[in-house]
Protein backbone atom coordinates (compact mmCIF):
# COMPACT_ATOMS: atom_id res chain seq x y z
CA MET A 1 50.65 12.12 -13.67
CA ILE A 2 49.50 11.30 -17.24
CA MET A 3 52.38 12.26 -19.12
CA LEU A 4 54.74 11.01 -16.40
CA PHE A 5 53.02 7.72 -17.46
CA GLN A 6 53.61 8.10 -21.39
CA VAL A 7 57.25 8.86 -20.38
CA ILE A 8 57.89 6.05 -17.41
CA ARG A 9 56.29 3.37 -20.70
CA LYS A 10 58.01 4.40 -23.30
CA TYR A 11 61.82 4.71 -21.89
CA THR A 12 61.24 1.89 -19.37
CA ARG A 13 60.58 -1.80 -18.85
CA VAL A 14 57.21 -0.76 -16.89
CA GLU A 15 54.20 -1.89 -18.52
CA ILE A 16 51.02 0.55 -18.29
CA LYS A 17 48.13 -0.38 -20.04
CA ASP A 18 46.76 2.46 -21.97
CA GLU A 19 42.89 1.71 -18.94
CA ALA A 20 44.99 2.64 -16.44
CA ILE A 21 46.25 6.07 -18.55
CA PHE A 22 42.34 6.49 -19.67
CA LYS A 23 40.87 5.50 -16.04
CA VAL A 24 43.90 8.40 -14.44
CA ALA A 25 42.57 10.73 -17.49
CA GLU A 26 38.91 10.30 -16.35
CA LEU A 27 39.13 10.82 -12.93
CA ILE A 28 41.44 14.23 -14.34
CA ALA A 29 37.44 15.14 -15.60
CA TYR A 30 35.79 14.16 -12.16
CA SER A 31 37.90 16.71 -10.51
CA MET A 32 38.15 19.63 -13.24
CA PHE A 33 33.99 19.03 -12.78
CA ILE A 34 34.34 19.93 -9.20
CA ASN A 35 36.99 22.36 -9.48
CA LEU A 36 34.77 24.85 -12.19
CA PHE A 37 31.83 24.04 -9.95
CA LEU A 38 33.08 25.79 -6.82
CA LEU A 39 34.53 27.63 -9.06
CA GLY A 40 31.18 29.25 -9.96
CA ALA A 41 29.69 28.93 -6.84
CA GLU A 42 31.70 30.85 -5.59
CA VAL A 43 31.68 33.95 -8.20
CA PHE A 44 27.77 33.78 -7.59
CA LYS A 45 27.97 33.86 -4.18
CA GLU A 46 30.34 37.42 -4.16
CA TYR A 47 28.22 39.14 -7.31
CA TYR A 48 24.92 38.07 -5.42
CA SER A 49 25.69 39.18 -1.99
CA HIS A 50 27.14 41.98 -3.42
CA THR A 51 29.78 43.04 -0.38
CA ILE A 52 32.33 44.61 0.04
CA HIS A 53 34.18 41.04 -0.28
CA LEU A 54 33.13 41.14 -4.35
CA ALA A 55 35.65 44.15 -4.94
CA PRO A 56 38.74 41.05 -5.36
CA MET A 57 36.30 39.07 -7.44
CA GLU A 58 35.66 42.46 -9.32
CA TYR A 59 39.29 43.40 -9.97
CA LEU A 60 40.27 39.77 -10.99
CA PHE A 61 37.59 39.18 -13.77
CA GLN A 62 36.66 42.67 -14.98
CA GLY A 63 38.80 45.22 -13.17
CA LEU A 64 38.40 47.43 -10.73
CA LYS A 65 38.23 51.77 -10.84
CA GLY A 66 40.20 51.13 -14.45
CA HIS A 67 42.50 48.82 -12.43
CA SER A 68 42.95 45.42 -14.62
CA ASP A 69 46.33 44.02 -15.30
CA LEU A 70 44.78 40.43 -13.74
CA VAL A 71 41.59 40.14 -16.45
CA PRO A 72 43.35 38.53 -19.80
CA TYR A 73 45.24 36.33 -17.25
CA ILE A 74 42.19 35.01 -15.37
CA TRP A 75 40.15 34.43 -18.60
CA THR A 76 43.24 32.86 -20.76
CA ALA A 77 42.85 30.33 -17.40
CA MET A 78 39.07 30.10 -17.54
CA PHE A 79 39.29 29.32 -21.46
CA PHE A 80 42.20 26.91 -20.78
CA ASN A 81 40.37 24.99 -17.76
CA VAL A 82 36.48 24.48 -19.02
CA ALA A 83 38.79 23.47 -23.04
CA ALA A 84 40.61 20.99 -20.86
CA PHE A 85 37.36 20.33 -19.55
CA ILE A 86 35.64 19.37 -22.13
CA LEU A 87 38.51 17.82 -24.28
CA PHE A 88 38.58 15.64 -21.08
CA LEU A 89 35.02 14.69 -20.41
CA VAL A 90 34.61 13.53 -24.52
CA PRO A 91 35.43 10.03 -24.02
CA GLN A 92 37.08 10.33 -27.90
CA THR A 93 39.50 12.77 -27.58
CA ARG A 94 40.51 11.72 -23.60
CA GLU A 95 41.22 8.61 -25.43
CA ASN A 96 43.09 9.44 -27.68
CA TYR A 97 47.39 10.70 -26.88
CA VAL A 98 47.21 14.01 -28.59
CA THR A 99 44.53 15.88 -27.40
CA LEU A 100 45.28 13.85 -23.92
CA ASN A 101 48.68 15.74 -23.70
CA ILE A 102 47.13 18.64 -24.57
CA GLY A 103 44.55 19.21 -22.52
CA CYS A 104 46.90 17.84 -19.58
CA VAL A 105 49.07 20.98 -20.31
CA LEU A 106 46.05 23.18 -20.82
CA ILE A 107 45.24 22.07 -16.86
CA PHE A 108 48.70 22.28 -15.67
CA ILE A 109 48.85 26.23 -17.27
CA GLY A 110 44.94 27.32 -16.57
CA VAL A 111 45.21 25.96 -12.87
CA TYR A 112 49.12 27.46 -12.54
CA ILE A 113 47.23 30.79 -12.77
CA GLU A 114 44.18 30.33 -11.38
CA LYS A 115 45.51 29.47 -8.32
CA GLY A 116 48.46 31.50 -7.91
CA LEU A 117 47.50 35.02 -9.58
CA GLY A 118 44.13 34.33 -9.22
CA LEU A 119 43.79 33.50 -5.64
CA VAL A 120 46.97 35.15 -3.98
CA ILE A 121 47.14 38.85 -5.57
CA PRO A 122 42.89 39.36 -5.38
CA GLY A 123 42.58 38.67 -1.72
CA LEU A 124 45.12 41.87 -1.36
CA VAL A 125 43.35 44.28 -3.67
CA PRO A 126 42.06 46.61 -2.71
CA ASP A 127 44.14 46.59 0.62
CA VAL A 128 43.03 48.01 3.89
CA LEU A 129 42.92 51.77 3.33
CA GLY A 130 41.17 51.25 -0.07
CA GLU A 131 44.00 51.83 -2.79
CA ILE A 132 44.49 49.60 -5.85
CA PHE A 133 48.27 49.11 -6.61
CA GLU A 134 48.42 46.97 -9.96
CA TYR A 135 50.68 44.08 -9.98
CA SER A 136 51.25 42.45 -13.16
CA PRO A 137 54.34 39.45 -12.94
CA THR A 138 57.86 40.61 -14.68
CA GLY A 139 59.22 38.13 -17.54
CA THR A 140 62.18 37.43 -14.29
CA GLU A 141 59.43 36.57 -12.14
CA ILE A 142 57.62 34.27 -14.19
CA LEU A 143 61.28 32.26 -15.06
CA VAL A 144 61.92 31.90 -11.06
CA SER A 145 58.63 30.78 -10.61
CA LEU A 146 59.17 27.96 -13.65
CA GLY A 147 62.58 27.01 -12.26
CA SER A 148 61.13 26.71 -8.76
CA GLY A 149 58.87 23.69 -9.06
CA PRO A 150 60.10 20.27 -9.40
CA PRO A 151 62.63 20.77 -12.31
CA GLY A 152 64.26 23.92 -10.71
CA CYS A 153 64.59 22.00 -7.51
CA SER A 154 66.13 19.06 -8.96
CA SER A 155 68.97 20.73 -11.09
CA THR A 156 69.92 23.32 -8.28
CA ARG A 157 70.01 20.05 -6.44
CA CYS A 158 72.92 17.97 -8.95
CA CYS A 159 74.60 21.71 -10.34
CA SER A 160 75.46 22.75 -6.75
CA GLY A 161 78.33 21.65 -4.45
CA TRP A 162 76.30 21.47 -1.90
CA ARG A 163 75.14 17.83 -0.58
CA TYR A 164 73.00 17.50 2.55
CA ARG A 165 73.47 13.99 4.71
CA TYR A 166 71.34 12.95 7.57
CA SER A 167 72.61 10.26 9.97
CA PRO A 168 69.55 8.82 11.87
CA ALA A 169 71.83 6.89 14.09
CA SER A 170 73.34 10.44 15.51
CA SER A 171 70.01 12.28 14.63
CA THR A 172 72.63 14.74 13.18
CA SER A 173 72.42 16.91 9.96
CA GLU A 174 75.38 18.23 8.43
CA MET A 175 75.82 20.46 5.14
CA THR A 176 79.21 18.83 3.13
CA GLY A 177 80.12 21.15 0.19
């Protein structure tokens, strides 16, 4: 949103004040604190209780029984999230557009890894029979996931010959090519 505001301000006549952008950055700092706090609470709960539900957390953060393909990903995400939080927390770095944009990129990548790989995959490890299957995304999967977001959706819609028309009067929709 911050980077979008900067692009809008640069290429259109819409006036977006610095104070508005810096206030959004401050709100992002608060939300990153909540994100990191809840992650810390989850890690503490799992390690303190030491139940069977600790296995996915161990697999994610330190590896489990020699399987540790996701460990570098999650620690990279943790580093990015903490670094971005610090950049957004300190007012001098939050009000500098270079460090502000670096923080935005770090948050996007860190949260994308944490909530993508860090949430879905460890929930399936170990499986119901106690077996561990390693998973690490391939280059093709990474490119597909990057292309399936907003840039991929808009380019697919613009480049394809299909149009979706909705007629509210008759409540019908049709595909045309």
